[in-house]
Amino acid sequence: MMQLIVALALWGLVSALAVGTRRRTDQSILYAAIMIALSLTLNIDAVYFAADGLLGGRNYADLPANLLLLLGIYFLSRAILRASAPNRANASARPFRIGAIITAGLMVTTFVFIDAPTTSGTFMRDFGNQPAAAAYSLIQFIYLGIVMALTGTICLRFAGRMSTPARRLGFRIVGAGCGAAVLTVISVVGMDLAHVFGAMSLLALFASAYDVLNLTAILLLCFGLSLPPILGGISNRFNRRKLQAALPDLTRIWVDVSAQHLELGGVAHPNAPGSVSRDVDTVVHRMLVEIRDALLLNPTALDRLEDEDLALLTAAETRIGAQRTSA
């Protein structure tokens, strides 16, 4: 049941990100969410048994599930790096990328030596006493622990520099989720070593900690990553309604300023039926640009505007700026 809850939480995150990042050129965070969601979906017993049956019934499905998790965490770290320091993102992400390639190669190599002849929904519990299986898990999770520790540090360090309150809060929650993920990794390493050396009481202790920590990490990461697109979408809808309500007054100001016999490039009325775009953001933005150009060309036109008109222009510009920042 817990596996299903975690997988559903990840697919919920994918849905939120698919809407919130559709205007962005960098889709790393969406790729990360999809890969991690696929990985955790493969860990659901019914899905795992079906997939492994197609692959021969020798637990071959465990390898792609873990490789997807590895790639997902890499893309997550890359997205965080690009959000926090765009100018240094490519150089900073290079060690993560090289580490992911080396880790994936070592995982494939060690997996070959694991003797797991029958499909198991508890792969490491059944076969984790083998040194090859322990190495397979340790290699993967040590990389994940290092990446999550660095990513969490970056989140907490740069959270205050994010452009919106939603992003600042989201970064802090993701940082906390990364901390929980590091503790999860420590519990996995403890389980692997305890299993190999036959310390079953320690294995049970680490296993109970893992269940709580893993769920906490996933939920914090999902909540933190989905918060900016969800709150950004709500804010955008609110701003659009305000812009729509202000459109008649903005149109009046536009007409009043343009009546000063100024040439505004021969552009038709921005809200006319035949205009190029009926999107309120585009209409208002174009209208504001033309109003400001008119006032710049003829400062005396400013005398025709009341204080309320100027306040309306400032508020509309602020809302347009907020729309573009959250896009």
Foldseek 3Di string as FASTA:
>chain_A
DLLVVLLVLLVVLLVLLVVQCVPPPDCLLNLLSVLLSVLSVCLPVVNVQVVCVVVPFQSPSNLSSLLSNLSSLLSVLLVLLCQQPVVCSVVVSVVSVVLSVVLSVLLVVLVVVFRRRGDDSPVCVVGLLDPSNLSNLLSSLVSSLVSLQVSLVSLVVRLVVHDDPQSSQLSNLLSVLSVLSNLLSVLSNQLSVCSNVVVVVSNVVSVVSNSVSVSSSSNSNSCSSSRLSVVLVVLLVVLQVVLVVCVVVLLVLLVLLVVVVDDQPPDDQLCDPPHPDNRSLVSLVVSLVSSVVSCVVPVVSVVVDDPVSVVSSVVNVVSSVSNVSSD
